[in-house]
Structures are given as structure tokens and as C-alpha cells.
């Protein structure tokens, strides 16, 4: 099995296939694999590419999370042969590929519903449906049936046998532990290093569903089965700050540090500023402060997570229900590809997987983070306000900023910080 701690050195790159390129398909992704790898990508994560249900469809093309057939490919995204080529090309460049799997629900006209209606959750009147009101285009699965557990496991094994390196599991907290207990040992026989990224859900959603009598796993429970989990456990505090809704940097950092005490010692979080369910961070932050946020996000303990378009500061969140391409800005002052690449390279150092992490606020707008291992130390200083002198845990002297190669001076235990971030390793 893989060393989970080393996942903290890696970067995930998320692709919504139909929105990624003008061709809306796997070939459009293949054409950019060199660029994606050059960003520092270790794991390529693809949103669902399966056929989308028609009953209750939202928008003209529908949500990729309303799946009609788990073992087929939507013709818009290409063919099975195209997908195999994408796997081969990504692997040849040293990237793993994980695919989105939606196992809490299917579309309302899915193959499974047609063939096995007994495998679906039913309301008090005996009608299939879903437990979340606004998910009106789907119906929930019921894992009390061994038949469903075995069928879904066979589906997961089908894609892994083809060469898929793992999964991003949609709303994994809502899916029965019966499935994970049965499926994971079988998946690991096919690939002992399979990567399991779980979209665990926010605390408010957990409390709501539990109040309705539904079984929902906490993040602590999810870590029994998943290598990496989303940060939705602290999503309200993080989002309130990033979207400038009254949240503070200090509150966000408090929650980041609290994760160290809540979860297993080798826990790993996926660190994103945005994703397909979140508004783009570039809608709220620009210029040097946006760069500082990206530097901080990469520096935090966990796997760095970049949603396609972030590297050119895209500020439009692509629709889940329409064809809505990423609005790229390569070659402009919004192109921060080389900056992202540099951050990914810095993150590869062993201190970021072996060292103890800390974060200390300096006023309201600056934070000094650090990693300390038995052999190395790293200090990251991130300022989102006006120029300020900050206390740093370093001896006086002149150091090299790992981000841009410039020299910075520590005097009387303090460093003068302007707008751009500083990372010092020693």
C-alpha cells in the first residue's frame, strides 16, 4: 500500500472533460497532457464522463453527476478507445489518472433502475427518489442489498482493470460502509496503490441528514476507507474568507490546525481554492494577492488541488448543466502557469510530508507557516494586506526565497513582507 504521507508532496489537476477544450472530449485533454504535466501534476482527475440521464435532466446537456450507465462513455466525451489512449498517454508522462464515480445515486432513467428497481431507496409511499430535495435529477441507491454491493464492486473493478489508478468518490460520506468494506480489498488486489479521494461533506449537511434519520459518515469515519478527503469539514470558514463574506484568515488557519487533532496521524486533505462546485477564487482575488493565496494553498499540509482554468486565473465557474468551456487566458498577465509549476516543485521536498506543520498569525492579514522535521525546516510567509514586518522563526541572515530566487533579509528576528509570498528552506 502507498505511503499516505507522501501524498502531501503531490498535486491533483481536475478536468471537466466537456468544458476543457473546444472539442469537448478526451482528445482535447490528450492534446494538453504535456502542459498539464509541466504544471507539476501528479494525479489527473476527470469529472464523470458517462452517459447522462434524460428524465429530470437539468439544462440542455445535464449534470455529469446524473449517470445513466456506469460502464459506458457519453459520445460527447469520445470513445472507449479514446479513453484508453488518454490513460496510456497520461501514464507515459508519469501521471496517475483517477475518475469520478457517483455511487450515492443514479439518473432517474438509469440502466440499474430499469433492471433492478429493488436496489433503490424508496420514500414512505414506496416511490424511488432522493434524500436531498434539490438533486431532482437523481434517485438514491440502497446498499442493503448484497446484489447492489457486488454489482457496483464489479463496475469499480472494471475500470481499474482497464488501467484507472483510483477514484474520486462523489459524496462518499452518504454511501454505505457495506460497499467500502467489500469493494476496497478487491480493488487493492488489482492495484495495491489505488488512490481513493473522497468528497466528504460539510458538517452542516451531516447534521441535517442525521436529523432526518439517515446514515452519514463523518470525516473521521471516512478515513477508514479513503486516502484523501476534501476540506468541506472546514469549508464554511474557508469559503467565507475566500469569497469575502466576512470570514477571516485567522479563522481559516485555526480550522486547518484543528484538523491535526481530529484525524489519524497520516490523514491527507485535498487543498483547493475552488473546484467545480465552488465559485472561482479569481472572482474575488486578483494580482499579487491571488498569487499569495495560491502559494499558501500549496504550502498547507495536504495534496494541492488545481481546477483546470486556475492556472490562467479563470473567474467564471463552468456550468454543470450546459456546454460552457473554460475561458483560458494563456500568454496574458493572468497566466500564472509557471508560478503554479514552481509551487508544485517546491512541494516535492520531503519536509512537506515528514515535518510537523504550524501556522502563526501576524496581525489580521499575514500568517507565518512552518514545517520542522529532524533534518530540515521550511518557513512560509504569506501576507494578504499592506506591507508589514513579521516575526519569523529564523536566525538573522540573508536567505533565498524558493519561489522567485530573490534574496530576503531577516533582521532582529523580523522579515519585511510586501505583497509577494516568501518560502525559505534550510
Protein backbone atom coordinates (compact mmCIF):
# COMPACT_ATOMS: atom_id res chain seq x y z
CA UNK A 1 0.00 0.00 0.00
CA UNK A 2 1.11 3.53 -0.71
CA UNK A 3 2.70 5.79 1.90
CA UNK A 4 -0.12 8.24 2.58
CA UNK A 5 2.19 10.91 3.99
CA UNK A 6 3.97 11.21 0.66
CA UNK A 7 0.68 12.27 -0.94
CA UNK A 8 1.29 15.59 0.80
CA UNK A 9 4.02 16.21 -1.79
CA UNK A 10 1.67 15.81 -4.73
CA UNK A 11 -0.72 17.85 -6.86
CA UNK A 12 -4.12 16.95 -8.32
CA UNK A 13 -5.35 18.57 -11.53
CA UNK A 14 -9.13 18.45 -12.05
CA UNK A 15 -10.60 18.33 -15.58
CA UNK A 16 -14.24 18.67 -16.61
CA UNK A 17 -13.81 16.97 -19.98
CA UNK A 18 -16.67 18.59 -21.91
CA UNK A 19 -15.66 22.07 -20.68
CA UNK A 20 -11.89 21.69 -21.04
CA UNK A 21 -11.36 22.25 -24.77
CA UNK A 22 -13.09 23.28 -27.96
CA UNK A 23 -13.56 19.61 -28.89
CA UNK A 24 -15.22 18.81 -25.52
CA UNK A 25 -13.67 15.34 -25.45
CA UNK A 26 -10.79 13.13 -24.35
CA UNK A 27 -8.76 14.12 -27.41
CA UNK A 28 -8.85 17.72 -26.26
CA UNK A 29 -7.36 16.61 -22.94
CA UNK A 30 -4.74 14.40 -24.59
CA UNK A 31 -3.56 17.36 -26.66
CA UNK A 32 -2.71 19.26 -23.46
CA UNK A 33 -1.17 16.49 -21.37
CA UNK A 34 2.35 17.86 -21.80
CA UNK A 35 1.21 21.23 -20.46
CA UNK A 36 -0.73 19.60 -17.61
CA UNK A 37 2.30 17.57 -16.59
CA UNK A 38 4.54 20.63 -16.81
CA UNK A 39 2.36 22.33 -14.19
CA UNK A 40 3.58 19.71 -11.74
CA UNK A 41 0.56 17.42 -11.93
CA UNK A 42 0.91 14.01 -10.29
CA UNK A 43 -2.75 12.98 -10.44
CA UNK A 44 -5.14 13.80 -13.28
CA UNK A 45 -8.72 13.74 -12.03
CA UNK A 46 -11.58 13.53 -14.55
CA UNK A 47 -15.15 14.51 -13.76
CA UNK A 48 -17.81 11.91 -14.73
CA UNK A 49 -17.77 11.18 -18.46
CA UNK A 50 -20.56 8.58 -18.54
CA UNK A 51 -23.88 8.96 -20.40
CA UNK A 52 -26.25 11.39 -18.66
CA UNK A 53 -29.87 10.56 -17.89
CA UNK A 54 -32.70 12.33 -19.71
CA UNK A 55 -35.51 12.09 -17.16
CA UNK A 56 -35.49 15.19 -14.95
CA UNK A 57 -32.39 16.47 -16.78
CA UNK A 58 -31.17 19.89 -15.67
CA UNK A 59 -30.17 22.21 -18.52
CA UNK A 60 -29.73 21.18 -22.13
CA UNK A 61 -26.98 18.56 -21.61
CA UNK A 62 -27.46 17.72 -17.95
CA UNK A 63 -25.27 17.14 -14.94
CA UNK A 64 -22.45 14.61 -15.26
CA UNK A 65 -23.44 13.51 -11.76
CA UNK A 66 -26.75 12.13 -13.07
CA UNK A 67 -25.35 8.91 -14.54
CA UNK A 68 -27.30 6.68 -16.89
CA UNK A 69 -24.74 3.87 -17.27
CA UNK A 70 -21.63 3.39 -15.11
CA UNK A 71 -19.81 1.29 -17.70
CA UNK A 72 -20.29 3.46 -20.79
CA UNK A 73 -18.96 6.75 -22.14
CA UNK A 74 -21.04 9.71 -23.28
CA UNK A 75 -20.37 10.10 -27.04
CA UNK A 76 -19.77 13.81 -26.44
CA UNK A 77 -16.64 12.88 -24.49
CA UNK A 78 -15.34 10.40 -27.07
CA UNK A 79 -15.00 6.64 -27.27
CA UNK A 80 -13.64 3.90 -25.05
CA UNK A 81 -10.63 3.75 -27.36
CA UNK A 82 -10.05 7.48 -26.80
CA UNK A 83 -10.23 6.94 -23.06
CA UNK A 84 -7.71 4.10 -23.22
CA UNK A 85 -5.39 6.39 -25.18
CA UNK A 86 -5.77 9.09 -22.53
CA UNK A 87 -4.81 6.58 -19.83
CA UNK A 88 -1.78 5.41 -21.81
CA UNK A 89 -0.60 8.93 -22.63
CA UNK A 90 -1.01 10.15 -19.05
CA UNK A 91 0.82 7.12 -17.67
CA UNK A 92 3.63 7.63 -20.18
CA UNK A 93 4.11 11.11 -18.70
CA UNK A 94 4.23 9.82 -15.13
CA UNK A 95 0.73 10.86 -14.10
CA UNK A 96 -1.89 8.74 -12.40
CA UNK A 97 -5.49 9.04 -13.56
CA UNK A 98 -8.47 8.92 -11.22
CA UNK A 99 -12.07 9.11 -12.36
CA UNK A 100 -15.18 10.46 -10.68
CA UNK A 101 -17.62 7.80 -9.55
CA UNK A 102 -21.10 8.68 -8.27
CA UNK A 103 -22.34 5.83 -6.09
CA UNK A 104 -24.93 7.54 -3.92
CA UNK A 105 -27.40 7.88 -6.78
CA UNK A 106 -28.06 7.37 -10.49
CA UNK A 107 -30.17 9.19 -13.05
CA UNK A 108 -33.92 8.64 -12.88
CA UNK A 109 -33.83 6.51 -16.02
CA UNK A 110 -30.59 4.62 -15.39
CA UNK A 111 -29.79 1.12 -16.56
CA UNK A 112 -29.65 -0.02 -12.92
CA UNK A 113 -33.08 1.42 -12.11
CA UNK A 114 -34.63 -0.22 -15.14
CA UNK A 115 -33.09 -3.61 -14.40
CA UNK A 116 -33.08 -3.58 -10.58
CA UNK A 117 -35.60 -1.17 -9.03
CA UNK A 118 -35.26 -3.13 -5.78
CA UNK A 119 -31.76 -1.66 -5.36
CA UNK A 120 -33.06 1.89 -4.86
CA UNK A 121 -34.11 3.91 -1.83
CA UNK A 122 -37.85 4.50 -1.53
CA UNK A 123 -39.85 7.08 0.36
CA UNK A 124 -42.71 6.38 2.78
CA UNK A 125 -45.08 5.86 -0.16
CA UNK A 126 -42.79 3.31 -1.81
CA UNK A 127 -41.61 5.63 -4.59
CA UNK A 128 -37.98 5.81 -5.69
CA UNK A 129 -36.47 9.22 -5.11
CA UNK A 130 -33.67 11.03 -3.36
CA UNK A 131 -33.00 12.22 0.14
CA UNK A 132 -31.81 15.68 -0.92
CA UNK A 133 -34.53 17.86 -2.39
CA UNK A 134 -32.56 19.92 -4.93
CA UNK A 135 -30.99 16.82 -6.51
CA UNK A 136 -34.15 16.39 -8.54
CA UNK A 137 -32.48 14.65 -11.49
CA UNK A 138 -31.33 11.59 -9.50
CA UNK A 139 -32.61 8.75 -7.34
CA UNK A 140 -30.69 7.24 -4.44
CA UNK A 141 -29.26 3.75 -4.20
CA UNK A 142 -29.93 1.43 -1.24
CA UNK A 143 -26.94 -0.68 -0.23
CA UNK A 144 -28.87 -3.06 2.00
CA UNK A 145 -28.85 -5.42 -0.99
CA UNK A 146 -25.83 -7.69 -1.47
CA UNK A 147 -26.64 -7.71 -5.17
CA UNK A 148 -26.06 -3.97 -5.46
CA UNK A 149 -22.81 -4.13 -3.45
CA UNK A 150 -21.50 -6.85 -5.77
CA UNK A 151 -22.63 -5.08 -8.95
CA UNK A 152 -21.02 -1.77 -8.01
CA UNK A 153 -17.83 -3.55 -6.95
CA UNK A 154 -17.70 -5.25 -10.34
CA UNK A 155 -18.07 -1.84 -12.01
CA UNK A 156 -15.23 -0.37 -9.94
CA UNK A 157 -13.02 -3.36 -10.79
CA UNK A 158 -13.89 -2.97 -14.49
CA UNK A 159 -12.32 0.49 -14.72
CA UNK A 160 -9.32 -0.36 -12.53
CA UNK A 161 -8.61 -3.45 -14.65
CA UNK A 162 -8.57 -1.09 -17.64
CA UNK A 163 -5.81 0.95 -16.03
CA UNK A 164 -7.56 3.60 -13.95
CA UNK A 165 -5.42 4.40 -10.88
CA UNK A 166 -8.18 5.28 -8.47
CA UNK A 167 -11.35 7.18 -7.83
CA UNK A 168 -12.76 10.45 -6.68
CA UNK A 169 -15.92 9.32 -4.89
CA UNK A 170 -18.79 11.77 -5.01
CA UNK A 171 -20.45 12.47 -1.62
CA UNK A 172 -18.65 9.43 -0.21
CA UNK A 173 -19.99 10.17 3.29
CA UNK A 174 -23.50 9.19 2.16
CA UNK A 175 -22.53 5.82 0.66
CA UNK A 176 -22.89 2.79 2.91
CA UNK A 177 -19.81 1.37 4.59
CA UNK A 178 -21.01 -2.03 3.37
CA UNK A 179 -19.76 -1.12 -0.08
CA UNK A 180 -16.34 0.15 1.01
CA UNK A 181 -15.72 -2.88 3.24
CA UNK A 182 -16.48 -5.27 0.40
CA UNK A 183 -15.06 -3.38 -2.59
CA UNK A 184 -11.76 -1.98 -1.35
CA UNK A 185 -9.96 -5.29 -0.69
CA UNK A 186 -10.92 -6.41 -4.19
CA UNK A 187 -9.76 -3.18 -5.79
CA UNK A 188 -6.44 -3.38 -3.96
CA UNK A 189 -5.87 -6.85 -5.34
CA UNK A 190 -5.97 -5.26 -8.79
CA UNK A 191 -3.89 -2.21 -7.78
CA UNK A 192 -2.25 -2.20 -4.36
CA UNK A 193 -1.55 1.54 -4.68
CA UNK A 194 -5.03 2.55 -5.76
CA UNK A 195 -5.77 6.17 -4.81
CA UNK A 196 -9.10 6.86 -3.11
CA UNK A 197 -10.10 10.53 -2.96
CA UNK A 198 -13.36 11.08 -1.11
CA UNK A 199 -15.70 14.03 -1.35
CA UNK A 200 -16.71 14.03 2.28
CA UNK A 201 -19.42 16.53 3.13
CA UNK A 202 -19.68 19.61 5.32
CA UNK A 203 -20.67 19.45 8.97
CA UNK A 204 -23.99 21.21 8.50
CA UNK A 205 -25.04 18.73 5.83
CA UNK A 206 -24.05 15.80 8.07
CA UNK A 207 -26.12 17.19 10.94
CA UNK A 208 -29.12 17.83 8.69
CA UNK A 209 -29.16 14.34 7.17
CA UNK A 210 -28.64 12.67 10.53
CA UNK A 211 -31.55 14.70 11.92
CA UNK A 212 -33.67 13.17 9.16
CA UNK A 213 -32.66 9.69 10.26
CA UNK A 214 -30.13 8.98 7.50
CA UNK A 215 -26.74 7.36 7.99
CA UNK A 216 -23.86 9.69 7.11
CA UNK A 217 -20.16 9.19 7.86
CA UNK A 218 -18.00 11.88 9.42
CA UNK A 219 -14.54 12.60 8.01
CA UNK A 220 -13.02 10.55 10.82
CA UNK A 221 -15.08 7.55 9.74
CA UNK A 222 -14.31 8.12 6.05
CA UNK A 223 -10.57 7.93 6.70
CA UNK A 224 -11.01 4.21 7.39
CA UNK A 225 -11.54 3.80 3.66
CA UNK A 226 -10.10 6.86 1.87
CA UNK A 227 -6.56 8.10 1.41
CA UNK A 228 -7.50 11.74 0.84
CA UNK A 229 -10.60 13.73 1.75
CA UNK A 230 -11.97 17.09 0.70
CA UNK A 231 -11.81 20.07 3.06
CA UNK A 232 -15.56 20.53 3.31
CA UNK A 233 -15.24 19.91 7.05
CA UNK A 234 -13.81 23.43 7.23
CA UNK A 235 -15.43 24.63 4.01
CA UNK A 236 -17.72 27.19 5.62
CA UNK A 237 -14.86 29.06 7.30
CA UNK A 238 -12.57 28.78 4.27
CA UNK A 239 -15.28 29.84 1.82
CA UNK A 240 -16.39 32.75 3.96
CA UNK A 241 -12.86 34.14 3.77
CA UNK A 242 -12.11 33.36 0.13
CA UNK A 243 -15.43 34.77 -1.07
CA UNK A 244 -15.08 37.82 1.20
CA UNK A 245 -18.25 37.13 3.14
CA UNK A 246 -16.87 38.19 6.49
CA UNK A 247 -14.56 35.29 7.20
CA UNK A 248 -11.02 35.86 8.38
CA UNK A 249 -7.67 34.35 7.54
CA UNK A 250 -7.09 33.56 11.22
CA UNK A 251 -10.34 31.58 11.49
CA UNK A 252 -9.44 29.56 8.39
CA UNK A 253 -5.96 28.83 9.77
CA UNK A 254 -7.42 27.81 13.14
CA UNK A 255 -9.52 25.19 11.40
CA UNK A 256 -6.58 23.94 9.35
CA UNK A 257 -4.57 23.39 12.54
CA UNK A 258 -7.53 21.75 14.27
CA UNK A 259 -7.55 19.04 11.60
CA UNK A 260 -4.27 17.75 13.04
CA UNK A 261 -6.10 16.81 16.22
CA UNK A 262 -9.30 15.44 14.68
CA UNK A 263 -8.00 12.85 12.25
CA UNK A 264 -5.50 9.97 12.06
CA UNK A 265 -1.83 10.92 12.15
CA UNK A 266 -1.41 10.12 8.46
CA UNK A 267 -4.53 11.96 7.28
CA UNK A 268 -4.33 13.82 3.97
CA UNK A 269 -6.59 16.65 2.82
CA UNK A 270 -7.12 17.90 -0.73
CA UNK A 271 -6.31 21.62 -0.60
CA UNK A 272 -8.27 23.62 -3.18
CA UNK A 273 -9.20 27.26 -3.53
CA UNK A 274 -12.04 26.31 -5.86
CA UNK A 275 -13.44 23.30 -7.69
CA UNK A 276 -16.38 22.52 -9.97
CA UNK A 277 -18.83 23.08 -7.09
CA UNK A 278 -17.27 26.32 -5.89
CA UNK A 279 -17.07 29.81 -7.34
CA UNK A 280 -13.68 30.62 -8.80
CA UNK A 281 -11.30 32.23 -6.35
CA UNK A 282 -10.19 34.66 -9.10
CA UNK A 283 -13.67 36.16 -8.96
CA UNK A 284 -12.73 37.61 -5.57
CA UNK A 285 -8.93 37.93 -5.56
CA UNK A 286 -6.57 39.20 -8.24
CA UNK A 287 -2.95 40.05 -8.86
CA UNK A 288 -0.31 39.55 -6.18
CA UNK A 289 -2.85 38.64 -3.51
CA UNK A 290 -4.23 35.84 -5.66
CA UNK A 291 -0.68 34.56 -6.14
CA UNK A 292 -0.16 34.69 -2.38
CA UNK A 293 -3.33 32.68 -1.83
CA UNK A 294 -2.13 30.03 -4.26
CA UNK A 295 1.25 29.90 -2.55
CA UNK A 296 -0.45 29.48 0.83
CA UNK A 297 -2.77 26.80 -0.51
CA UNK A 298 0.15 24.78 -1.87
CA UNK A 299 2.05 25.25 1.38
CA UNK A 300 -0.73 23.95 3.62
CA UNK A 301 -0.46 20.33 4.72
CA UNK A 302 -2.18 18.17 2.10
CA UNK A 303 -2.39 17.47 -1.63
CA UNK A 304 -2.51 20.63 -3.71
CA UNK A 305 -5.62 20.73 -5.90
CA UNK A 306 -5.92 22.81 -9.08
CA UNK A 307 -9.12 23.03 -11.14
CA UNK A 308 -8.46 23.47 -14.86
CA UNK A 309 -8.52 27.18 -15.59
CA UNK A 310 -6.98 28.22 -12.29
CA UNK A 311 -3.60 28.46 -14.00
CA UNK A 312 -4.87 31.40 -16.07
CA UNK A 313 -6.93 32.94 -13.25
CA UNK A 314 -10.28 31.99 -14.78
CA UNK A 315 -13.02 33.78 -12.87
CA UNK A 316 -16.03 32.01 -14.43
CA UNK A 317 -17.37 28.81 -12.87
CA UNK A 318 -18.36 26.47 -15.74
CA UNK A 319 -21.96 25.31 -15.64
CA UNK A 320 -22.71 21.74 -14.61
CA UNK A 321 -25.71 21.63 -16.92
CA UNK A 322 -24.56 23.21 -20.20
CA UNK A 323 -21.59 23.18 -22.54
CA UNK A 324 -19.57 26.01 -21.03
CA UNK A 325 -15.87 25.97 -21.90
CA UNK A 326 -13.08 27.15 -19.66
CA UNK A 327 -12.13 30.71 -20.59
CA UNK A 328 -8.39 30.39 -20.93
CA UNK A 329 -6.03 33.36 -20.87
CA UNK A 330 -2.67 31.88 -21.84
CA UNK A 331 0.01 34.39 -22.74
CA UNK A 332 -1.60 37.21 -20.76
CA UNK A 333 -0.81 38.71 -17.37
CA UNK A 334 -3.37 36.25 -15.95
CA UNK A 335 -1.26 33.27 -16.94
CA UNK A 336 0.30 32.00 -13.68
CA UNK A 337 1.22 28.58 -15.06
CA UNK A 338 4.91 28.98 -14.30
CA UNK A 339 4.08 30.18 -10.78
CA UNK A 340 1.91 27.10 -10.15
CA UNK A 341 4.65 24.90 -11.57
CA UNK A 342 7.19 26.43 -9.20
CA UNK A 343 4.92 25.88 -6.19
CA UNK A 344 4.38 22.25 -7.20
CA UNK A 345 8.14 21.74 -7.48
CA UNK A 346 8.74 23.22 -4.02
CA UNK A 347 6.08 20.94 -2.54
CA UNK A 348 8.01 17.85 -3.66
CA UNK A 349 10.58 18.34 -0.89
CA UNK A 350 10.36 15.69 1.83
CA UNK A 351 9.96 18.24 4.63
CA UNK A 352 6.37 18.83 3.48
CA UNK A 353 5.44 15.21 4.10
CA UNK A 354 7.70 14.48 7.08
CA UNK A 355 7.72 17.73 9.03
CA UNK A 356 5.35 18.96 11.74
CA UNK A 357 3.18 21.79 10.40
CA UNK A 358 2.32 25.02 12.22
CA UNK A 359 0.72 28.36 11.36
CA UNK A 360 1.01 31.55 13.40
CA UNK A 361 -0.95 34.70 12.55
CA UNK A 362 0.85 38.05 12.37
CA UNK A 363 -1.94 40.58 12.68
CA UNK A 364 -5.10 40.01 10.66
CA UNK A 365 -3.64 39.65 7.17
CA UNK A 366 -0.37 37.74 7.44
CA UNK A 367 0.44 34.20 8.51
CA UNK A 368 3.80 32.54 9.13
CA UNK A 369 3.68 28.81 8.46
CA UNK A 370 6.39 26.26 9.05
CA UNK A 371 7.42 22.63 8.75
CA UNK A 372 10.05 21.16 11.05
CA UNK A 373 11.48 17.67 10.63
CA UNK A 374 14.50 16.02 12.23
CA UNK A 375 16.71 17.25 9.41
CA UNK A 376 15.07 20.21 7.70
CA UNK A 377 12.98 23.30 8.29
CA UNK A 378 10.79 25.32 5.97
CA UNK A 379 9.16 28.67 6.71
CA UNK A 380 6.45 30.18 4.53
CA UNK A 381 5.29 33.78 4.97
CA UNK A 382 2.06 34.88 3.31
CA UNK A 383 0.79 38.46 3.50
CA UNK A 384 -2.61 39.46 2.14
CA UNK A 385 -2.55 43.01 3.46
CA UNK A 386 -0.31 46.07 3.37
CA UNK A 387 3.48 45.81 3.72
CA UNK A 388 4.39 44.69 7.22
CA UNK A 389 7.30 43.43 9.35
CA UNK A 390 6.62 39.92 10.66
CA UNK A 391 8.30 37.75 13.26
CA UNK A 392 9.85 34.63 11.74
CA UNK A 393 11.39 31.56 13.43
CA UNK A 394 14.77 32.06 11.72
CA UNK A 395 18.16 33.36 12.76
CA UNK A 396 19.19 36.74 11.41
CA UNK A 397 20.74 36.50 7.98
CA UNK A 398 20.10 36.61 4.26
CA UNK A 399 18.06 33.82 2.70
CA UNK A 400 16.86 32.81 -0.75
CA UNK A 401 13.13 32.90 -1.47
CA UNK A 402 12.44 29.48 -3.02
CA UNK A 403 9.60 30.93 -5.08
CA UNK A 404 11.44 33.56 -7.11
CA UNK A 405 15.11 33.09 -6.20
CA UNK A 406 15.43 36.58 -4.72
CA UNK A 407 17.35 37.32 -1.53
CA UNK A 408 15.49 38.33 1.62
CA UNK A 409 16.93 39.52 4.93
CA UNK A 410 15.90 38.61 8.47
CA UNK A 411 16.92 41.30 10.96
CA UNK A 412 16.23 41.14 14.69
CA UNK A 413 14.07 38.11 14.02
CA UNK A 414 11.82 40.02 11.62
CA UNK A 415 11.24 40.00 7.87
CA UNK A 416 9.77 42.85 5.88
CA UNK A 417 6.92 41.47 3.80
CA UNK A 418 5.45 43.12 0.76
CA UNK A 419 2.75 41.65 -1.46
CA UNK A 420 4.51 38.51 -2.72
CA UNK A 421 4.93 35.30 -0.69
CA UNK A 422 8.23 34.01 0.66
CA UNK A 423 9.29 30.41 1.28
CA UNK A 424 12.63 29.70 2.96
CA UNK A 425 14.12 26.23 3.38
CA UNK A 426 17.16 25.35 5.49
